[in-house]
Every structure is written in structure tokens, then in C-alpha cells.
């Protein structure tokens, strides 16, 4: 066999292998699309949330009047992105960002009211358990570093991108005072609230617990 034939055969085999590899990658992309990070992460099952709710300490909220948002430093910057920018990237669909890490385009579904927004400026990052709620539930005894960790918690279901309207309607209310207007979100809201309080060893008051139970009862799993 001539050297020319050998070279041509080798190139053909290489081309076939490359096409096959590309086809496999394409198939994997189509059949197994890479999902975005869990949105939000670490939402427990109904059973786990129920066990956590039962284990939480029930006591009246602190009457401390020294709360200030500045006691919970946020948003911090990690790897060039603020916590807000990170949540916007995590919770959006088709998000593109500029060199400064701020989203330039994308689509965001707001879990609390079922609305969709395409402008990042229309979104707030909701602290599911509001900072003032945390303050009156035990965080007043924390160090500033721990309060900063809480206010920028990306490891649990404490932060979620929602419409500014729904976040400001919620304000610093607990489940005895506010629930998402979208009924289908009541289960997720309860599980996220309970798990956040459990993870951070915060207390809940009697009315709060009484309101969480029927919300949790709407969960199927």
C-alpha cells in the first residue's frame, strides 16, 4: 500500500472519529441538557421539612429594637461576582453576562407570583427568612461574620430571585403574615422557610409554626 493511500486512510478514519464524537456530544446535549444549578439549592423533601419543623424551638420573638440591615453585610463579592449577580445567573434562563458579571439578558420566572421578567432591574433577591426576622429569631446574638454568611447564603434555599413587587409585598413578614400569592408555591415556600430556620438554628413563634403546618400539608413530597 502506497504512503499516499495510508495517509488518506488515516485522515478518513480521523474524520469519521471526529464526526462520531461530535454526534455523541450533540446527542448528550439534546438528551441530557446540562441543568442550571438547583434553583434554589437544598430544598428538603416534605418528610425532612416536617421533621425539622417539629424540631425547631418555639419561642416569642426578641423585642430587641436595635436591628439594622447594615448588621448583615451584603452583597459580598466572590470570584468577581456579587451574591446578587450569582443568584440572578443561577435562577434565570438563558442568562448572558457582561465582563462585570452583571446579567445583560435572560428570562426569570418569579416563584412567588408566577410572573416572568426579562430585565434584571425588575428583580429583587429575596431573603426567604428576612434579615429582621432572623434578627428577632436569634441572629441578634450572632457575630457580624455569621450574619454576613446568612445574608449571602448560596448553599441553602435562603435566596431566590423574584419580582420586586412580590418581594416588597412580602417585606419582613413571616408566614403568619404573608404567603406567596401563587398558591402552587406554598409548599416550596414552607419547605424553604423551615429548612433555612433549621440550618441556621433560628427559633419560630407560635403563630409562625401554626401557619407553616398547613402550607407544608399542601406538599405531595
C-alpha atoms as a PDB file:
ATOM      1  CA  UNK A   1       0.000   0.000   0.000  1.00  0.00           C
ATOM      2  CA  UNK A   2       1.448   3.394  -1.003  1.00  0.00           C
ATOM      3  CA  UNK A   3       2.215   6.071   1.569  1.00  0.00           C
ATOM      4  CA  UNK A   4      -0.403   8.324  -0.060  1.00  0.00           C
ATOM      5  CA  UNK A   5      -3.113   5.717   0.435  1.00  0.00           C
ATOM      6  CA  UNK A   6      -2.065   5.177   4.053  1.00  0.00           C
ATOM      7  CA  UNK A   7      -2.199   8.911   4.757  1.00  0.00           C
ATOM      8  CA  UNK A   8      -5.585   9.252   3.059  1.00  0.00           C
ATOM      9  CA  UNK A   9      -6.975   6.276   5.000  1.00  0.00           C
ATOM     10  CA  UNK A  10      -5.667   7.728   8.258  1.00  0.00           C
ATOM     11  CA  UNK A  11      -7.309  11.086   7.532  1.00  0.00           C
ATOM     12  CA  UNK A  12     -10.617   9.412   6.714  1.00  0.00           C
ATOM     13  CA  UNK A  13     -10.523   7.419   9.947  1.00  0.00           C
ATOM     14  CA  UNK A  14      -9.713  10.579  11.906  1.00  0.00           C
ATOM     15  CA  UNK A  15     -12.586  12.414  10.218  1.00  0.00           C
ATOM     16  CA  UNK A  16     -15.021   9.577  10.991  1.00  0.00           C
ATOM     17  CA  UNK A  17     -13.902   9.523  14.628  1.00  0.00           C
ATOM     18  CA  UNK A  18     -14.304  13.304  14.902  1.00  0.00           C
ATOM     19  CA  UNK A  19     -17.786  13.225  13.373  1.00  0.00           C
ATOM     20  CA  UNK A  20     -18.797  10.383  15.696  1.00  0.00           C
ATOM     21  CA  UNK A  21     -17.501  12.255  18.728  1.00  0.00           C
ATOM     22  CA  UNK A  22     -19.339  15.412  17.668  1.00  0.00           C
ATOM     23  CA  UNK A  23     -22.539  13.444  17.150  1.00  0.00           C
ATOM     24  CA  UNK A  24     -22.188  11.921  20.609  1.00  0.00           C
ATOM     25  CA  UNK A  25     -21.663  15.313  22.219  1.00  0.00           C
ATOM     26  CA  UNK A  26     -24.670  16.700  20.332  1.00  0.00           C
ATOM     27  CA  UNK A  27     -26.773  13.744  21.455  1.00  0.00           C
ATOM     28  CA  UNK A  28     -25.731  14.277  25.054  1.00  0.00           C
ATOM     29  CA  UNK A  29     -26.606  17.944  24.842  1.00  0.00           C
ATOM     30  CA  UNK A  30     -30.041  17.213  23.384  1.00  0.00           C
ATOM     31  CA  UNK A  31     -30.956  14.255  25.554  1.00  0.00           C
ATOM     32  CA  UNK A  32     -29.151  15.273  28.726  1.00  0.00           C
ATOM     33  CA  UNK A  33     -29.065  19.060  28.778  1.00  0.00           C
ATOM     34  CA  UNK A  34     -26.818  20.498  31.435  1.00  0.00           C
ATOM     35  CA  UNK A  35     -29.214  21.839  34.055  1.00  0.00           C
ATOM     36  CA  UNK A  36     -28.610  25.103  35.853  1.00  0.00           C
ATOM     37  CA  UNK A  37     -27.649  24.837  39.482  1.00  0.00           C
ATOM     38  CA  UNK A  38     -30.565  23.830  41.693  1.00  0.00           C
ATOM     39  CA  UNK A  39     -32.978  26.731  41.997  1.00  0.00           C
ATOM     40  CA  UNK A  40     -32.755  27.365  44.827  1.00  0.00           C
ATOM     41  CA  UNK A  41     -30.470  24.661  46.267  1.00  0.00           C
ATOM     42  CA  UNK A  42     -31.100  22.237  49.100  1.00  0.00           C
ATOM     43  CA  UNK A  43     -34.902  22.447  49.287  1.00  0.00           C
ATOM     44  CA  UNK A  44     -35.814  19.481  51.524  1.00  0.00           C
ATOM     45  CA  UNK A  45     -38.464  16.848  50.996  1.00  0.00           C
ATOM     46  CA  UNK A  46     -41.779  17.162  52.793  1.00  0.00           C
ATOM     47  CA  UNK A  47     -40.729  14.480  55.288  1.00  0.00           C
ATOM     48  CA  UNK A  48     -37.446  16.203  56.100  1.00  0.00           C
ATOM     49  CA  UNK A  49     -39.126  19.597  56.407  1.00  0.00           C
ATOM     50  CA  UNK A  50     -41.745  18.131  58.736  1.00  0.00           C
ATOM     51  CA  UNK A  51     -39.057  16.647  60.967  1.00  0.00           C
ATOM     52  CA  UNK A  52     -37.227  19.977  61.006  1.00  0.00           C
ATOM     53  CA  UNK A  53     -40.409  21.898  61.813  1.00  0.00           C
ATOM     54  CA  UNK A  54     -41.100  19.562  64.712  1.00  0.00           C
ATOM     55  CA  UNK A  55     -37.536  20.043  65.988  1.00  0.00           C
ATOM     56  CA  UNK A  56     -37.426  23.844  65.841  1.00  0.00           C
ATOM     57  CA  UNK A  57     -37.550  25.744  69.120  1.00  0.00           C
ATOM     58  CA  UNK A  58     -40.792  27.673  69.560  1.00  0.00           C
ATOM     59  CA  UNK A  59     -40.493  30.917  71.483  1.00  0.00           C
ATOM     60  CA  UNK A  60     -41.606  34.523  71.261  1.00  0.00           C
ATOM     61  CA  UNK A  61     -39.566  36.766  69.019  1.00  0.00           C
ATOM     62  CA  UNK A  62     -36.972  39.019  70.607  1.00  0.00           C
ATOM     63  CA  UNK A  63     -38.168  42.530  71.334  1.00  0.00           C
ATOM     64  CA  UNK A  64     -34.757  43.994  70.519  1.00  0.00           C
ATOM     65  CA  UNK A  65     -35.159  47.287  68.657  1.00  0.00           C
ATOM     66  CA  UNK A  66     -31.535  47.591  67.556  1.00  0.00           C
ATOM     67  CA  UNK A  67     -31.965  45.848  64.182  1.00  0.00           C
ATOM     68  CA  UNK A  68     -30.259  47.430  61.188  1.00  0.00           C
ATOM     69  CA  UNK A  69     -29.726  45.896  57.735  1.00  0.00           C
ATOM     70  CA  UNK A  70     -26.109  47.014  57.878  1.00  0.00           C
ATOM     71  CA  UNK A  71     -25.592  44.426  60.615  1.00  0.00           C
ATOM     72  CA  UNK A  72     -25.970  41.813  57.845  1.00  0.00           C
ATOM     73  CA  UNK A  73     -23.342  42.874  55.262  1.00  0.00           C
ATOM     74  CA  UNK A  74     -24.484  42.114  51.710  1.00  0.00           C
ATOM     75  CA  UNK A  75     -23.978  41.735  48.847  1.00  0.00           C
ATOM     76  CA  UNK A  76     -20.434  40.431  49.066  1.00  0.00           C
ATOM     77  CA  UNK A  77     -18.246  39.722  46.041  1.00  0.00           C
ATOM     78  CA  UNK A  78     -16.781  36.269  45.449  1.00  0.00           C
ATOM     79  CA  UNK A  79     -14.768  35.392  42.322  1.00  0.00           C
ATOM     80  CA  UNK A  80     -15.701  38.714  40.753  1.00  0.00           C
ATOM     81  CA  UNK A  81     -19.474  38.349  41.167  1.00  0.00           C
ATOM     82  CA  UNK A  82     -21.699  39.733  43.894  1.00  0.00           C
ATOM     83  CA  UNK A  83     -24.162  37.435  45.618  1.00  0.00           C
ATOM     84  CA  UNK A  84     -26.999  39.170  43.769  1.00  0.00           C
ATOM     85  CA  UNK A  85     -25.334  38.589  40.405  1.00  0.00           C
ATOM     86  CA  UNK A  86     -24.690  34.948  41.264  1.00  0.00           C
ATOM     87  CA  UNK A  87     -28.347  34.346  42.172  1.00  0.00           C
ATOM     88  CA  UNK A  88     -29.538  36.100  39.007  1.00  0.00           C
ATOM     89  CA  UNK A  89     -27.320  33.813  36.931  1.00  0.00           C
ATOM     90  CA  UNK A  90     -28.464  30.737  38.855  1.00  0.00           C
ATOM     91  CA  UNK A  91     -32.180  31.439  38.795  1.00  0.00           C
ATOM     92  CA  UNK A  92     -32.533  32.717  35.237  1.00  0.00           C
ATOM     93  CA  UNK A  93     -32.936  31.005  31.885  1.00  0.00           C
ATOM     94  CA  UNK A  94     -30.573  31.814  29.031  1.00  0.00           C
ATOM     95  CA  UNK A  95     -28.701  34.352  31.129  1.00  0.00           C
ATOM     96  CA  UNK A  96     -25.809  36.169  29.493  1.00  0.00           C
ATOM     97  CA  UNK A  97     -23.459  38.357  31.496  1.00  0.00           C
ATOM     98  CA  UNK A  98     -21.031  41.128  30.728  1.00  0.00           C
ATOM     99  CA  UNK A  99     -17.400  41.338  31.746  1.00  0.00           C
ATOM    100  CA  UNK A 100     -18.519  42.846  35.065  1.00  0.00           C
ATOM    101  CA  UNK A 101     -20.622  39.731  35.833  1.00  0.00           C
ATOM    102  CA  UNK A 102     -23.920  41.639  35.646  1.00  0.00           C
ATOM    103  CA  UNK A 103     -26.586  39.924  33.502  1.00  0.00           C
ATOM    104  CA  UNK A 104     -27.173  41.604  30.141  1.00  0.00           C
ATOM    105  CA  UNK A 105     -30.033  39.364  29.041  1.00  0.00           C
ATOM    106  CA  UNK A 106     -32.112  36.431  30.206  1.00  0.00           C
ATOM    107  CA  UNK A 107     -35.522  35.434  31.492  1.00  0.00           C
ATOM    108  CA  UNK A 108     -36.557  34.992  35.115  1.00  0.00           C
ATOM    109  CA  UNK A 109     -39.625  33.233  36.469  1.00  0.00           C
ATOM    110  CA  UNK A 110     -40.736  34.598  39.834  1.00  0.00           C
ATOM    111  CA  UNK A 111     -41.727  31.733  42.117  1.00  0.00           C
ATOM    112  CA  UNK A 112     -43.875  33.845  44.430  1.00  0.00           C
ATOM    113  CA  UNK A 113     -46.270  35.345  41.886  1.00  0.00           C
ATOM    114  CA  UNK A 114     -45.765  33.354  38.678  1.00  0.00           C
ATOM    115  CA  UNK A 115     -44.582  36.390  36.712  1.00  0.00           C
ATOM    116  CA  UNK A 116     -41.758  36.346  34.164  1.00  0.00           C
ATOM    117  CA  UNK A 117     -39.323  39.213  33.741  1.00  0.00           C
ATOM    118  CA  UNK A 118     -36.553  39.851  31.214  1.00  0.00           C
ATOM    119  CA  UNK A 119     -34.898  42.864  32.858  1.00  0.00           C
ATOM    120  CA  UNK A 120     -32.644  42.166  35.863  1.00  0.00           C
ATOM    121  CA  UNK A 121     -33.612  45.546  37.300  1.00  0.00           C
ATOM    122  CA  UNK A 122     -37.187  44.258  37.707  1.00  0.00           C
ATOM    123  CA  UNK A 123     -35.988  41.585  40.121  1.00  0.00           C
ATOM    124  CA  UNK A 124     -35.122  41.535  43.788  1.00  0.00           C
ATOM    125  CA  UNK A 125     -33.165  38.844  45.570  1.00  0.00           C
ATOM    126  CA  UNK A 126     -35.473  37.780  48.364  1.00  0.00           C
ATOM    127  CA  UNK A 127     -34.077  36.676  51.694  1.00  0.00           C
ATOM    128  CA  UNK A 128     -36.699  33.975  52.271  1.00  0.00           C
ATOM    129  CA  UNK A 129     -36.264  34.440  56.008  1.00  0.00           C
ATOM    130  CA  UNK A 130     -35.979  38.212  56.150  1.00  0.00           C
ATOM    131  CA  UNK A 131     -32.954  39.694  57.870  1.00  0.00           C
ATOM    132  CA  UNK A 132     -35.069  41.419  60.508  1.00  0.00           C
ATOM    133  CA  UNK A 133     -36.978  38.166  61.090  1.00  0.00           C
ATOM    134  CA  UNK A 134     -33.661  36.400  61.630  1.00  0.00           C
ATOM    135  CA  UNK A 135     -32.537  39.174  63.977  1.00  0.00           C
ATOM    136  CA  UNK A 136     -35.578  38.671  66.195  1.00  0.00           C
ATOM    137  CA  UNK A 137     -35.246  34.872  65.993  1.00  0.00           C
ATOM    138  CA  UNK A 138     -31.702  34.550  67.288  1.00  0.00           C
ATOM    139  CA  UNK A 139     -29.370  36.365  64.891  1.00  0.00           C
ATOM    140  CA  UNK A 140     -29.034  39.315  67.261  1.00  0.00           C
ATOM    141  CA  UNK A 141     -26.687  37.070  69.251  1.00  0.00           C
ATOM    142  CA  UNK A 142     -24.505  36.232  66.251  1.00  0.00           C
ATOM    143  CA  UNK A 143     -21.206  37.734  65.204  1.00  0.00           C
ATOM    144  CA  UNK A 144     -21.175  40.063  62.217  1.00  0.00           C
ATOM    145  CA  UNK A 145     -19.325  37.400  60.224  1.00  0.00           C
ATOM    146  CA  UNK A 146     -22.090  34.888  60.835  1.00  0.00           C
ATOM    147  CA  UNK A 147     -24.758  37.419  59.907  1.00  0.00           C
ATOM    148  CA  UNK A 148     -22.844  38.130  56.705  1.00  0.00           C
ATOM    149  CA  UNK A 149     -22.785  34.416  55.908  1.00  0.00           C
ATOM    150  CA  UNK A 150     -26.535  34.251  56.473  1.00  0.00           C
ATOM    151  CA  UNK A 151     -27.275  37.268  54.287  1.00  0.00           C
ATOM    152  CA  UNK A 152     -25.215  35.800  51.427  1.00  0.00           C
ATOM    153  CA  UNK A 153     -26.118  32.122  51.863  1.00  0.00           C
ATOM    154  CA  UNK A 154     -25.832  30.379  48.488  1.00  0.00           C
ATOM    155  CA  UNK A 155     -25.723  26.868  49.926  1.00  0.00           C
ATOM    156  CA  UNK A 156     -29.316  26.696  51.147  1.00  0.00           C
ATOM    157  CA  UNK A 157     -32.737  27.874  49.935  1.00  0.00           C
ATOM    158  CA  UNK A 158     -32.459  31.284  51.598  1.00  0.00           C
ATOM    159  CA  UNK A 159     -32.022  33.404  48.459  1.00  0.00           C
ATOM    160  CA  UNK A 160     -34.266  33.486  45.399  1.00  0.00           C
ATOM    161  CA  UNK A 161     -34.783  35.909  42.512  1.00  0.00           C
ATOM    162  CA  UNK A 162     -38.384  37.174  42.419  1.00  0.00           C
ATOM    163  CA  UNK A 163     -40.222  40.210  41.121  1.00  0.00           C
ATOM    164  CA  UNK A 164     -39.554  43.379  43.048  1.00  0.00           C
ATOM    165  CA  UNK A 165     -43.296  43.706  43.608  1.00  0.00           C
ATOM    166  CA  UNK A 166     -43.649  40.341  45.329  1.00  0.00           C
ATOM    167  CA  UNK A 167     -40.535  40.823  47.433  1.00  0.00           C
ATOM    168  CA  UNK A 168     -41.644  44.222  48.662  1.00  0.00           C
ATOM    169  CA  UNK A 169     -45.129  42.908  49.354  1.00  0.00           C
ATOM    170  CA  UNK A 170     -43.547  40.196  51.492  1.00  0.00           C
ATOM    171  CA  UNK A 171     -41.228  42.699  53.176  1.00  0.00           C
ATOM    172  CA  UNK A 172     -40.037  41.275  56.524  1.00  0.00           C
ATOM    173  CA  UNK A 173     -43.215  39.317  57.239  1.00  0.00           C
ATOM    174  CA  UNK A 174     -43.264  35.691  58.342  1.00  0.00           C
ATOM    175  CA  UNK A 175     -45.717  33.009  57.096  1.00  0.00           C
ATOM    176  CA  UNK A 176     -48.300  34.051  59.679  1.00  0.00           C
ATOM    177  CA  UNK A 177     -48.412  37.449  57.979  1.00  0.00           C
ATOM    178  CA  UNK A 178     -47.667  36.747  54.308  1.00  0.00           C
ATOM    179  CA  UNK A 179     -47.703  33.833  51.873  1.00  0.00           C
ATOM    180  CA  UNK A 180     -46.955  33.865  48.140  1.00  0.00           C
ATOM    181  CA  UNK A 181     -49.968  34.944  46.071  1.00  0.00           C
ATOM    182  CA  UNK A 182     -49.285  31.935  43.828  1.00  0.00           C
ATOM    183  CA  UNK A 183     -50.859  29.023  45.716  1.00  0.00           C
ATOM    184  CA  UNK A 184     -48.744  26.426  43.906  1.00  0.00           C
ATOM    185  CA  UNK A 185     -45.672  27.939  45.584  1.00  0.00           C
ATOM    186  CA  UNK A 186     -46.947  27.500  49.133  1.00  0.00           C
ATOM    187  CA  UNK A 187     -45.290  24.105  49.526  1.00  0.00           C
ATOM    188  CA  UNK A 188     -41.868  25.280  48.328  1.00  0.00           C
ATOM    189  CA  UNK A 189     -42.125  28.443  50.405  1.00  0.00           C
ATOM    190  CA  UNK A 190     -42.833  26.479  53.580  1.00  0.00           C
ATOM    191  CA  UNK A 191     -40.016  23.995  52.955  1.00  0.00           C
ATOM    192  CA  UNK A 192     -37.534  26.759  52.167  1.00  0.00           C
ATOM    193  CA  UNK A 193     -38.523  28.750  55.259  1.00  0.00           C
ATOM    194  CA  UNK A 194     -38.384  25.767  57.602  1.00  0.00           C
ATOM    195  CA  UNK A 195     -35.070  24.495  56.259  1.00  0.00           C
ATOM    196  CA  UNK A 196     -33.450  27.926  56.489  1.00  0.00           C
ATOM    197  CA  UNK A 197     -34.502  28.353  60.102  1.00  0.00           C
ATOM    198  CA  UNK A 198     -33.333  24.833  60.894  1.00  0.00           C
ATOM    199  CA  UNK A 199     -29.951  25.191  59.170  1.00  0.00           C
ATOM    200  CA  UNK A 200     -29.246  28.439  60.986  1.00  0.00           C
ATOM    201  CA  UNK A 201     -30.651  27.344  64.352  1.00  0.00           C
ATOM    202  CA  UNK A 202     -33.241  30.108  64.470  1.00  0.00           C
ATOM    203  CA  UNK A 203     -36.416  29.994  66.538  1.00  0.00           C
ATOM    204  CA  UNK A 204     -40.006  30.437  65.422  1.00  0.00           C
ATOM    205  CA  UNK A 205     -43.018  31.782  67.240  1.00  0.00           C
ATOM    206  CA  UNK A 206     -46.326  30.027  67.841  1.00  0.00           C
ATOM    207  CA  UNK A 207     -48.282  31.785  65.083  1.00  0.00           C
ATOM    208  CA  UNK A 208     -45.467  31.195  62.611  1.00  0.00           C
ATOM    209  CA  UNK A 209     -45.410  27.453  63.292  1.00  0.00           C
ATOM    210  CA  UNK A 210     -49.200  27.209  63.146  1.00  0.00           C
ATOM    211  CA  UNK A 211     -49.160  28.888  59.731  1.00  0.00           C
ATOM    212  CA  UNK A 212     -46.351  26.740  58.347  1.00  0.00           C
ATOM    213  CA  UNK A 213     -48.045  23.413  59.011  1.00  0.00           C
ATOM    214  CA  UNK A 214     -50.988  23.845  56.590  1.00  0.00           C
ATOM    215  CA  UNK A 215     -48.600  25.179  53.955  1.00  0.00           C
ATOM    216  CA  UNK A 216     -46.422  22.112  54.368  1.00  0.00           C
ATOM    217  CA  UNK A 217     -49.509  19.909  54.199  1.00  0.00           C
ATOM    218  CA  UNK A 218     -50.028  21.059  50.597  1.00  0.00           C
ATOM    219  CA  UNK A 219     -46.810  19.271  49.593  1.00  0.00           C
ATOM    220  CA  UNK A 220     -47.068  15.924  47.855  1.00  0.00           C
ATOM    221  CA  UNK A 221     -43.451  15.018  48.534  1.00  0.00           C
END
